[in-house]
Protein backbone atom coordinates (compact mmCIF):
# COMPACT_ATOMS: atom_id res chain seq x y z
CA UNK A 1 -82.06 -122.23 116.75
CA UNK A 2 -79.38 -121.24 114.22
CA UNK A 3 -81.91 -120.85 111.34
CA UNK A 4 -84.27 -118.74 113.46
CA UNK A 5 -81.44 -116.51 114.69
CA UNK A 6 -80.15 -116.10 111.14
CA UNK A 7 -83.60 -115.10 109.87
CA UNK A 8 -84.10 -112.62 112.71
CA UNK A 9 -80.80 -110.88 112.01
CA UNK A 10 -81.51 -110.77 108.27
CA UNK A 11 -84.87 -109.10 108.95
CA UNK A 12 -83.40 -106.48 111.24
CA UNK A 13 -80.55 -105.87 108.80
CA UNK A 14 -82.98 -105.04 106.03
CA UNK A 15 -85.24 -102.92 108.25
CA UNK A 16 -82.42 -100.93 109.80
CA UNK A 17 -80.10 -100.90 106.83
CA UNK A 18 -77.22 -102.41 108.77
CA UNK A 19 -74.12 -103.03 106.70
CA UNK A 20 -73.68 -106.61 105.53
CA UNK A 21 -70.31 -106.87 107.24
CA UNK A 22 -71.77 -105.87 110.60
CA UNK A 23 -74.56 -108.41 110.20
CA UNK A 24 -72.07 -111.12 109.29
CA UNK A 25 -69.88 -110.40 112.31
CA UNK A 26 -72.86 -110.28 114.68
CA UNK A 27 -74.25 -113.54 113.32
CA UNK A 28 -70.88 -115.27 113.68
CA UNK A 29 -70.59 -114.05 117.27
CA UNK A 30 -74.09 -115.34 118.03
CA UNK A 31 -73.25 -118.74 116.58
CA UNK A 32 -70.06 -118.84 118.65
CA UNK A 33 -72.01 -118.00 121.81
CA UNK A 34 -74.69 -120.59 121.04
CA UNK A 35 -72.01 -123.26 120.62
CA UNK A 36 -70.30 -122.24 123.87
CA UNK A 37 -73.53 -122.07 125.83
CA UNK A 38 -74.72 -125.42 124.52
CA UNK A 39 -71.80 -127.21 126.16
CA UNK A 40 -72.19 -127.52 129.92
CA UNK A 41 -69.57 -126.74 132.49
CA UNK A 42 -68.54 -129.80 134.48
CA UNK A 43 -67.33 -130.13 138.08
CA UNK A 44 -66.49 -133.48 139.68
CA UNK A 45 -66.12 -133.30 143.46
CA UNK A 46 -64.32 -136.45 144.58
CA UNK A 47 -63.98 -136.79 148.35
CA UNK A 48 -61.49 -139.03 150.15
CA UNK A 49 -62.72 -141.97 152.30
CA UNK A 50 -66.18 -140.34 152.55
CA UNK A 51 -68.54 -143.21 153.34
CA UNK A 52 -72.03 -143.68 151.95
CA UNK A 53 -73.45 -142.99 155.41
CA UNK A 54 -71.53 -139.75 155.96
CA UNK A 55 -74.39 -137.49 154.85
CA UNK A 56 -77.41 -136.21 156.66
CA UNK A 57 -79.56 -137.14 153.69
CA UNK A 58 -78.32 -140.74 154.01
CA UNK A 59 -79.51 -141.00 157.58
CA UNK A 60 -76.51 -139.99 159.65
CA UNK A 61 -77.81 -138.95 163.07
CA UNK A 62 -74.88 -136.87 164.22
CA UNK A 63 -73.01 -135.46 161.23
CA UNK A 64 -74.44 -132.29 159.68
CA UNK A 65 -74.06 -131.77 155.91
CA UNK A 66 -76.70 -129.12 155.10
CA UNK A 67 -75.17 -127.95 151.82
CA UNK A 68 -74.74 -131.41 150.35
CA UNK A 69 -78.21 -132.35 151.57
CA UNK A 70 -79.65 -129.33 149.75
CA UNK A 71 -77.52 -130.16 146.71
CA UNK A 72 -79.04 -133.65 146.66
CA UNK A 73 -82.56 -132.20 146.90
CA UNK A 74 -81.82 -130.23 143.73
CA UNK A 75 -80.68 -133.27 141.77
CA UNK A 76 -80.65 -137.07 141.85
CA UNK A 77 -79.14 -139.25 144.57
CA UNK A 78 -77.92 -142.56 143.11
CA UNK A 79 -77.69 -145.50 145.54
CA UNK A 80 -76.08 -148.11 143.28
CA UNK A 81 -72.84 -146.38 142.32
CA UNK A 82 -69.54 -148.28 142.34
CA UNK A 83 -66.04 -146.75 142.24
CA UNK A 84 -64.25 -149.81 140.75
CA UNK A 85 -61.61 -150.00 143.50
CA UNK A 86 -61.55 -149.87 147.31
CA UNK A 87 -58.47 -147.58 147.53
CA UNK A 88 -57.44 -144.16 146.33
CA UNK A 89 -55.07 -144.31 143.34
CA UNK A 90 -56.79 -147.15 141.55
CA UNK A 91 -60.22 -145.60 142.14
CA UNK A 92 -59.01 -142.32 140.69
CA UNK A 93 -57.49 -144.12 137.72
CA UNK A 94 -60.90 -145.57 136.89
CA UNK A 95 -62.50 -142.12 136.96
CA UNK A 96 -59.76 -140.54 134.84
CA UNK A 97 -59.51 -143.26 132.19
CA UNK A 98 -62.96 -144.86 131.99
CA UNK A 99 -61.19 -148.21 132.30
CA UNK A 100 -60.72 -150.66 135.15
CA UNK A 101 -57.53 -149.57 136.93
CA UNK A 102 -55.74 -152.91 136.81
CA UNK A 103 -55.66 -152.62 133.03
CA UNK A 104 -53.05 -149.93 133.78
CA UNK A 105 -51.36 -151.99 136.54
CA UNK A 106 -52.77 -149.64 139.18
CA UNK A 107 -53.94 -152.18 141.77
CA UNK A 108 -53.43 -150.25 145.01
CA UNK A 109 -52.32 -146.77 146.03
CA UNK A 110 -49.16 -145.22 144.57
CA UNK A 111 -46.36 -144.95 147.13
CA UNK A 112 -42.56 -144.92 146.98
CA UNK A 113 -40.75 -146.79 144.22
CA UNK A 114 -39.87 -149.81 146.34
CA UNK A 115 -43.44 -150.39 147.45
CA UNK A 116 -44.84 -149.77 143.97
CA UNK A 117 -42.38 -152.28 142.53
CA UNK A 118 -43.20 -154.84 145.21
CA UNK A 119 -46.84 -154.66 144.13
CA UNK A 120 -46.09 -155.06 140.43
CA UNK A 121 -47.12 -151.45 139.82
CA UNK A 122 -45.53 -148.55 137.93
CA UNK A 123 -44.64 -145.37 139.79
CA UNK A 124 -47.41 -143.35 138.12
CA UNK A 125 -50.32 -143.57 135.75
CA UNK A 126 -49.04 -143.39 132.18
CA UNK A 127 -49.74 -139.81 130.99
CA UNK A 128 -50.18 -141.06 127.42
CA UNK A 129 -53.38 -142.97 128.18
CA UNK A 130 -56.76 -141.53 127.24
CA UNK A 131 -58.03 -139.32 130.05
CA UNK A 132 -61.21 -137.35 130.58
CA UNK A 133 -59.54 -133.95 131.10
CA UNK A 134 -57.43 -134.34 127.95
CA UNK A 135 -60.44 -135.22 125.81
CA UNK A 136 -62.29 -132.18 127.11
CA UNK A 137 -59.29 -129.86 126.78
CA UNK A 138 -58.73 -130.97 123.19
CA UNK A 139 -62.39 -130.17 122.52
CA UNK A 140 -62.04 -126.59 123.74
CA UNK A 141 -62.78 -126.87 127.46
CA UNK A 142 -60.67 -125.04 130.00
CA UNK A 143 -59.57 -127.70 132.47
CA UNK A 144 -58.24 -127.63 136.03
CA UNK A 145 -57.46 -129.99 138.90
CA UNK A 146 -57.49 -128.80 142.50
CA UNK A 147 -56.90 -131.05 145.50
CA UNK A 148 -55.60 -134.54 146.00
CA UNK A 149 -53.82 -136.16 143.06
CA UNK A 150 -52.31 -139.51 144.11
CA UNK A 151 -51.70 -140.76 140.56
CA UNK A 152 -47.95 -140.73 141.10
CA UNK A 153 -45.97 -138.51 143.47
CA UNK A 154 -42.41 -139.82 143.41
CA UNK A 155 -39.99 -136.99 142.48
CA UNK A 156 -39.73 -138.15 138.86
CA UNK A 157 -43.49 -138.49 138.27
CA UNK A 158 -45.06 -136.40 135.50
CA UNK A 159 -46.72 -133.15 136.45
CA UNK A 160 -50.52 -133.37 136.68
CA UNK A 161 -50.85 -130.91 133.78
CA UNK A 162 -49.45 -133.71 131.60
CA UNK A 163 -52.81 -135.49 131.83
CA UNK A 164 -54.82 -132.80 130.09
CA UNK A 165 -55.11 -129.81 132.42
CA UNK A 166 -54.60 -126.12 131.84
CA UNK A 167 -54.01 -125.56 135.55
CA UNK A 168 -53.39 -127.68 138.66
CA UNK A 169 -52.72 -127.23 142.35
CA UNK A 170 -52.43 -130.54 144.15
CA UNK A 171 -51.60 -132.59 147.21
CA UNK A 172 -49.98 -136.04 146.82
CA UNK A 173 -48.49 -135.02 143.50
CA UNK A 174 -45.86 -132.85 141.88
CA UNK A 175 -46.15 -129.25 140.76
CA UNK A 176 -47.97 -126.38 142.52
CA UNK A 177 -49.20 -127.51 145.93
CA UNK A 178 -52.43 -126.97 147.84
CA UNK A 179 -51.64 -125.48 151.23
CA UNK A 180 -52.89 -127.90 153.88
CA UNK A 181 -52.60 -125.43 156.72
CA UNK A 182 -50.54 -125.28 159.91
CA UNK A 183 -48.84 -128.51 160.87
CA UNK A 184 -51.07 -128.79 163.93
CA UNK A 185 -54.23 -128.60 161.80
CA UNK A 186 -53.45 -130.02 158.34
CA UNK A 187 -57.12 -130.62 157.50
CA UNK A 188 -58.31 -127.12 158.35
CA UNK A 189 -58.17 -125.04 155.14
CA UNK A 190 -57.83 -127.78 152.51
CA UNK A 191 -61.23 -127.65 150.82
CA UNK A 192 -61.45 -123.91 151.50
CA UNK A 193 -58.28 -123.40 149.48
CA UNK A 194 -59.42 -125.73 146.71
CA UNK A 195 -62.75 -123.91 146.45
CA UNK A 196 -60.87 -120.59 146.30
CA UNK A 197 -58.79 -121.91 143.40
CA UNK A 198 -61.93 -123.19 141.68
CA UNK A 199 -63.80 -119.91 142.02
CA UNK A 200 -60.82 -117.96 140.70
CA UNK A 201 -60.50 -120.35 137.74
CA UNK A 202 -64.20 -120.02 136.94
CA UNK A 203 -64.03 -116.21 137.08
CA UNK A 204 -61.24 -116.27 134.52
CA UNK A 205 -62.92 -118.81 132.26
CA UNK A 206 -66.67 -118.27 132.54
CA UNK A 207 -66.89 -117.33 128.85
CA UNK A 208 -65.66 -120.81 127.96
CA UNK A 209 -66.98 -124.21 128.93
CA UNK A 210 -64.86 -125.40 131.85
CA UNK A 211 -64.07 -128.69 133.59
CA UNK A 212 -62.79 -128.93 137.16
CA UNK A 213 -61.72 -132.00 139.09
CA UNK A 214 -62.12 -130.89 142.71
CA UNK A 215 -60.69 -133.71 144.82
CA UNK A 216 -61.10 -132.87 148.51
CA UNK A 217 -59.27 -134.60 151.35
CA UNK A 218 -60.74 -133.87 154.80
CA UNK A 219 -62.20 -137.22 155.85
CA UNK A 220 -58.94 -139.05 155.11
CA UNK A 221 -56.56 -139.60 158.00
CA UNK A 222 -54.94 -137.73 159.67
CA UNK A 223 -57.99 -135.81 160.86
CA UNK A 224 -57.05 -132.71 162.82
CA UNK A 225 -59.70 -129.97 162.75
CA UNK A 226 -58.97 -126.45 163.92
CA UNK A 227 -60.69 -125.10 167.07
CA UNK A 228 -63.16 -123.10 164.95
CA UNK A 229 -64.16 -126.20 163.02
CA UNK A 230 -64.95 -127.99 166.28
CA UNK A 231 -67.47 -125.42 167.54
CA UNK A 232 -70.62 -127.12 166.10
CA UNK A 233 -69.61 -130.36 167.85
CA UNK A 234 -68.07 -129.04 171.08
CA UNK A 235 -70.31 -131.33 173.13
CA UNK A 236 -69.58 -134.46 171.07
CA UNK A 237 -66.94 -136.91 172.30
CA UNK A 238 -63.92 -137.99 170.29
CA UNK A 239 -63.26 -139.45 167.80
CA UNK A 240 -66.62 -138.36 166.36
CA UNK A 241 -65.97 -134.71 167.20
CA UNK A 242 -62.92 -134.53 164.95
CA UNK A 243 -64.52 -136.48 162.10
CA UNK A 244 -67.79 -134.56 162.13
CA UNK A 245 -65.91 -131.26 162.34
CA UNK A 246 -63.84 -131.74 159.20
CA UNK A 247 -66.74 -133.20 157.19
CA UNK A 248 -69.04 -130.31 158.10
CA UNK A 249 -66.27 -127.83 157.30
CA UNK A 250 -65.85 -129.37 153.84
CA UNK A 251 -69.62 -129.23 153.37
CA UNK A 252 -69.59 -125.53 154.23
CA UNK A 253 -66.92 -124.78 151.63
CA UNK A 254 -68.72 -126.76 148.94
CA UNK A 255 -71.83 -124.76 149.75
CA UNK A 256 -69.82 -121.61 149.06
CA UNK A 257 -68.94 -122.97 145.59
CA UNK A 258 -72.57 -123.89 144.88
CA UNK A 259 -73.72 -120.41 145.88
CA UNK A 260 -71.07 -118.74 143.73
CA UNK A 261 -72.27 -120.63 140.67
CA UNK A 262 -75.84 -119.56 141.36
CA UNK A 263 -74.84 -115.93 141.94
CA UNK A 264 -73.04 -115.91 138.59
CA UNK A 265 -75.96 -117.54 136.78
CA UNK A 266 -73.76 -120.52 135.88
CA UNK A 267 -75.54 -123.21 137.87
CA UNK A 268 -78.21 -123.83 135.22
CA UNK A 269 -75.58 -124.92 132.70
CA UNK A 270 -73.22 -126.75 135.05
CA UNK A 271 -73.12 -130.49 135.69
CA UNK A 272 -71.90 -131.12 139.25
CA UNK A 273 -71.13 -134.56 140.66
CA UNK A 274 -70.34 -135.33 144.29
CA UNK A 275 -68.79 -138.71 145.09
CA UNK A 276 -65.92 -140.39 146.98
CA UNK A 277 -62.91 -142.50 146.04
CA UNK A 278 -63.79 -145.46 148.30
CA UNK A 279 -65.56 -146.41 151.49
CA UNK A 280 -64.60 -145.14 154.96
CA UNK A 281 -61.38 -146.07 156.70
CA UNK A 282 -61.32 -149.13 158.96
CA UNK A 283 -62.01 -147.62 162.37
CA UNK A 284 -60.25 -150.46 164.22
CA UNK A 285 -56.93 -149.43 162.68
CA UNK A 286 -54.79 -147.57 165.25
CA UNK A 287 -53.42 -145.35 162.48
CA UNK A 288 -56.80 -143.98 161.43
CA UNK A 289 -56.52 -140.87 163.60
CA UNK A 290 -60.19 -140.25 164.27
CA UNK A 291 -61.39 -141.59 160.91
CA UNK A 292 -64.82 -142.98 161.82
CA UNK A 293 -66.88 -142.77 158.65
CA UNK A 294 -70.14 -144.69 158.17
CA UNK A 295 -71.23 -147.16 155.49
CA UNK A 296 -74.99 -146.95 156.21
CA UNK A 297 -75.11 -150.68 156.89
CA UNK A 298 -72.95 -151.85 154.00
CA UNK A 299 -70.56 -154.75 154.67
CA UNK A 300 -66.84 -154.00 154.64
CA UNK A 301 -64.97 -150.73 154.46
CA UNK A 302 -62.00 -149.30 152.58
CA UNK A 303 -59.80 -152.04 151.01
CA UNK A 304 -62.73 -154.42 150.66
CA UNK A 305 -64.60 -155.46 147.51
CA UNK A 306 -67.73 -155.78 149.61
CA UNK A 307 -70.15 -152.91 149.07
CA UNK A 308 -68.87 -150.90 152.04
CA UNK A 309 -65.53 -150.52 150.28
CA UNK A 310 -66.78 -149.59 146.81
CA UNK A 311 -70.34 -148.26 147.07
CA UNK A 312 -70.16 -144.56 147.90
CA UNK A 313 -72.25 -141.40 147.52
CA UNK A 314 -73.00 -140.34 143.96
CA UNK A 315 -75.15 -137.25 143.70
CA UNK A 316 -75.72 -135.43 140.43
CA UNK A 317 -77.14 -131.97 139.89
CA UNK A 318 -77.67 -131.04 136.24
CA UNK A 319 -80.63 -128.65 135.79
CA UNK A 320 -82.92 -129.65 132.95
CA UNK A 321 -81.41 -133.14 132.81
CA UNK A 322 -81.42 -134.83 136.22
CA UNK A 323 -84.77 -135.09 138.02
CA UNK A 324 -85.03 -132.94 141.14
CA UNK A 325 -85.18 -134.60 144.55
CA UNK A 326 -85.08 -138.14 143.17
CA UNK A 327 -83.47 -141.17 144.78
CA UNK A 328 -82.44 -143.80 142.21
CA UNK A 329 -81.94 -147.12 143.99
CA UNK A 330 -81.87 -149.42 140.95
CA UNK A 331 -79.57 -147.98 138.24
CA UNK A 332 -76.22 -149.76 138.54
CA UNK A 333 -73.53 -147.28 137.51
CA UNK A 334 -69.78 -147.00 137.96
CA UNK A 335 -66.95 -144.49 137.93
CA UNK A 336 -65.73 -145.86 134.58
CA UNK A 337 -69.01 -144.59 133.13
CA UNK A 338 -68.12 -140.94 133.73
CA UNK A 339 -65.69 -140.56 130.82
CA UNK A 340 -68.01 -141.87 128.07
CA UNK A 341 -71.06 -140.16 129.59
CA UNK A 342 -69.47 -136.73 130.06
CA UNK A 343 -67.94 -136.86 126.60
CA UNK A 344 -71.39 -137.62 125.20
CA UNK A 345 -72.88 -134.68 127.10
CA UNK A 346 -70.08 -132.37 125.92
CA UNK A 347 -70.29 -133.53 122.31
CA UNK A 348 -66.80 -135.05 122.39
CA UNK A 349 -66.10 -138.11 120.25
CA UNK A 350 -64.09 -140.93 121.80
CA UNK A 351 -60.88 -141.96 119.99
CA UNK A 352 -61.39 -144.88 117.62
CA UNK A 353 -58.70 -146.96 119.33
CA UNK A 354 -60.06 -146.32 122.83
CA UNK A 355 -61.98 -149.15 124.52
CA UNK A 356 -63.92 -148.00 127.57
CA UNK A 357 -64.98 -150.38 130.32
CA UNK A 358 -67.74 -147.93 131.15
CA UNK A 359 -70.84 -147.01 129.20
CA UNK A 360 -72.95 -143.96 128.51
CA UNK A 361 -75.38 -143.60 131.42
CA UNK A 362 -77.17 -140.48 130.18
CA UNK A 363 -80.55 -142.22 130.46
CA UNK A 364 -79.91 -142.90 134.14
CA UNK A 365 -79.00 -139.24 134.64
CA UNK A 366 -82.22 -138.22 132.90
CA UNK A 367 -84.26 -140.48 135.14
CA UNK A 368 -85.19 -142.75 132.24
CA UNK A 369 -85.33 -146.53 132.71
CA UNK A 370 -81.75 -147.78 132.47
CA UNK A 371 -80.33 -151.28 132.47
CA UNK A 372 -76.58 -151.76 132.51
CA UNK A 373 -75.07 -153.80 129.67
CA UNK A 374 -71.42 -154.05 130.80
CA UNK A 375 -70.31 -155.80 134.01
CA UNK A 376 -68.28 -154.07 136.71
CA UNK A 377 -65.12 -156.13 137.32
CA UNK A 378 -62.66 -155.65 140.14
CA UNK A 379 -59.33 -157.09 141.27
CA UNK A 380 -57.84 -156.62 144.74
CA UNK A 381 -54.32 -157.84 145.57
CA UNK A 382 -53.79 -155.98 148.86
CA UNK A 383 -54.20 -157.14 152.43
CA UNK A 384 -56.79 -159.94 152.60
CA UNK A 385 -57.67 -159.99 156.31
CA UNK A 386 -61.29 -160.08 157.42
CA UNK A 387 -63.74 -158.51 154.98
CA UNK A 388 -60.83 -157.78 152.62
CA UNK A 389 -60.53 -161.45 151.58
CA UNK A 390 -62.18 -161.27 148.10
CA UNK A 391 -59.62 -160.99 145.33
CA UNK A 392 -62.08 -160.69 142.45
CA UNK A 393 -65.62 -159.49 142.01
CA UNK A 394 -68.15 -159.20 139.21
CA UNK A 395 -71.19 -156.99 139.42
CA UNK A 396 -73.67 -157.76 136.63
CA UNK A 397 -77.23 -156.54 136.90
CA UNK A 398 -78.67 -157.45 140.29
CA UNK A 399 -75.97 -160.05 140.94
CA UNK A 400 -72.62 -159.51 142.61
CA UNK A 401 -70.12 -162.34 143.01
CA UNK A 402 -66.99 -162.29 145.18
CA UNK A 403 -64.29 -164.95 145.02
CA UNK A 404 -60.67 -165.82 145.67
CA UNK A 405 -58.26 -166.97 142.98
CA UNK A 406 -58.90 -170.71 143.12
CA UNK A 407 -62.67 -170.40 143.64
CA UNK A 408 -62.41 -172.22 146.96
CA UNK A 409 -64.45 -169.41 148.48
CA UNK A 410 -67.31 -167.85 146.55
CA UNK A 411 -70.20 -165.64 147.62
CA UNK A 412 -73.14 -164.43 145.54
CA UNK A 413 -75.52 -161.62 146.49
CA UNK A 414 -78.47 -159.80 145.03
CA UNK A 415 -76.80 -156.52 145.85
CA UNK A 416 -79.85 -154.40 145.03
CA UNK A 417 -82.32 -156.27 147.26
CA UNK A 418 -79.71 -157.30 149.86
CA UNK A 419 -78.13 -153.97 150.85
CA UNK A 420 -75.92 -155.40 153.60
CA UNK A 421 -74.82 -158.51 151.63
CA UNK A 422 -76.20 -160.72 154.37
CA UNK A 423 -77.76 -163.51 152.32
CA UNK A 424 -75.19 -165.52 150.34
CA UNK A 425 -77.20 -167.34 147.65
CA UNK A 426 -74.31 -169.03 145.84
CA UNK A 427 -75.69 -172.53 146.48
CA UNK A 428 -79.14 -171.59 145.16
CA UNK A 429 -77.89 -170.15 141.87
CA UNK A 430 -74.99 -172.33 140.63
CA UNK A 431 -75.40 -171.18 137.02
CA UNK A 432 -74.91 -167.56 138.05
CA UNK A 433 -71.88 -168.57 140.09
CA UNK A 434 -70.35 -170.34 137.10
CA UNK A 435 -71.12 -167.45 134.75
CA UNK A 436 -69.80 -164.72 136.99
CA UNK A 437 -66.76 -166.63 138.27
CA UNK A 438 -65.74 -167.27 134.66
CA UNK A 439 -66.17 -163.56 134.03
CA UNK A 440 -63.88 -162.78 136.99
CA UNK A 441 -61.19 -165.23 135.93
CA UNK A 442 -61.30 -164.17 132.29
CA UNK A 443 -60.82 -160.59 133.41
CA UNK A 444 -57.97 -161.53 135.76
CA UNK A 445 -56.14 -163.47 133.05
CA UNK A 446 -56.55 -160.59 130.59
CA UNK A 447 -54.65 -158.17 132.83
CA UNK A 448 -51.03 -157.22 132.03
CA UNK A 449 -49.92 -158.32 135.48
CA UNK A 450 -46.34 -158.07 136.65
CA UNK A 451 -44.97 -160.42 139.32
CA UNK A 452 -45.00 -159.09 142.85
CA UNK A 453 -41.79 -159.31 144.85
CA UNK A 454 -41.53 -161.58 147.86
CA UNK A 455 -41.98 -158.75 150.31
CA UNK A 456 -45.28 -157.54 148.86
CA UNK A 457 -47.52 -159.76 150.98
CA UNK A 458 -46.14 -158.49 154.28
CA UNK A 459 -46.20 -154.81 153.38
CA UNK A 460 -49.35 -153.08 154.55
CA UNK A 461 -48.81 -149.36 154.37
CA UNK A 462 -51.92 -147.19 154.57
CA UNK A 463 -52.50 -144.76 151.72
C-alpha cells in the first residue's frame, strides 16, 4: 500500500508540477493516516453477574435483548469462554493482566482493609504490573475506562488512571465517579451514563486509535429499575420484572453505542467484545435483591468453579475478521487471552519479562481451526458451600477437573460434550485425573500465597 501510494503521488507531482515540499508533506500525512487506520479501535464491554442464559440469542424465553442479539448476528458467539474466576475483582484482574488473578494475590473481591487482610489479599491490584490499557496507551492508543472498577476502592487505593488510562469515570473505585442515579433507583442511568462518556470520548479521539473498557453494572445486586424501565415487563411478576427491566435497559444503551459507531463510519474498524465478569448471582441468597440471572443449564453460579460460575457470554464483532452469524462451540478461550490477542491485533509487542497465562487466539476470532495449548487454571478460597466446594480446577482441551486441596474429592468432565457437567468420568479416566490434579496442585504451590487470618473462613460478605 505504501509503495503504491508513493508512486501515485510522485506521478501526480510530476504531471501537475507540485512543489517537492508539498508532495513530501502530503505523502507523510498519508503514511500517518494509513498507520492510524490500520490499527483497530477496541471496546470491551464487561457486564456484572450477567449469566450465559441472560440473552435472547441464548434461548431466554422472557428477557429481551434485541441489540445484543443483533450484535451477535453480526459477529461470532463463542460458547466455550472462561473468565478465570467466579467473582468480580479477580475476574477483572485476569482480563487486565492476562495472568491468573491469584498470581497477584487477588483471590476474591476487594473490600475493606480488614476483610482483604483476612483473605491474604492486598488492598488493590498493584498498578506496576503489566496491564492491557497501559500497553495500548504506550503504543499510541487513547484509553479510557467507564463503569465499575473494583480493583481496589479503599481511600488510599491508586486512581484508575494509574493503570494506563487517559480518562476514567468509575464506580467501586477512586477518582471521578459514574452517577448511579437517585437513591431509589441506583441502577437506572448507569449504562446510559457510561455510554454517554464513551461516545464523548470517541468524538474527541476518533482521529486516533482508541481503547475503552466499558464495565456495566445493572444485573448486579441491588437491582432497582426506574418506572420507565419496567414498562416492557409491566405484566411480569417479581423478581423477574426487576431483573429483566435493568438488563433490557442496558441492552438499549449498548445499542445506542453500536449505532453511533455505525453512524460515524467507525464500526468497520472497531473490535467490540461483550462478556461478563462471572456467572449470575445465587438466587437463593436473601441479599440478591431480585438478581435472578440464568446459566442456560450450566451447573453452579457465581462463586463456583463449575461452569455456571465461570462460563459466560463472549461475543465478538470485528468486521473483516470474525465470521458473521457464527456460533463457535468448540474453541476453548479465556479472559487471560485478551491481552496477548489484542496486543497482537494492535501491533503491540509484549514486554520481554512479561509471562502471560493466556495465548493469542486470533485464529479462533478468524473462525480458523483453533486448539488451545495452555491450560486454564483456577483457585477459589471463598465460601465452599454447595456447588462452591471446588478449590482448584484445570481446564485443558475437552477435559475439566475440579478438586479440593487433599484430592479427597475429585470430579472430571468433558466440558464440551457435557454442557451441564452431569457425567463425572473421573473413575473412567484415572490418567487424566492424575495429570490434571498434578497440574492443579503445581499451580497452587506456585502461588505467592499469604496466610489467611482466623476469621477469614467465617466471613462471607457479598461483593
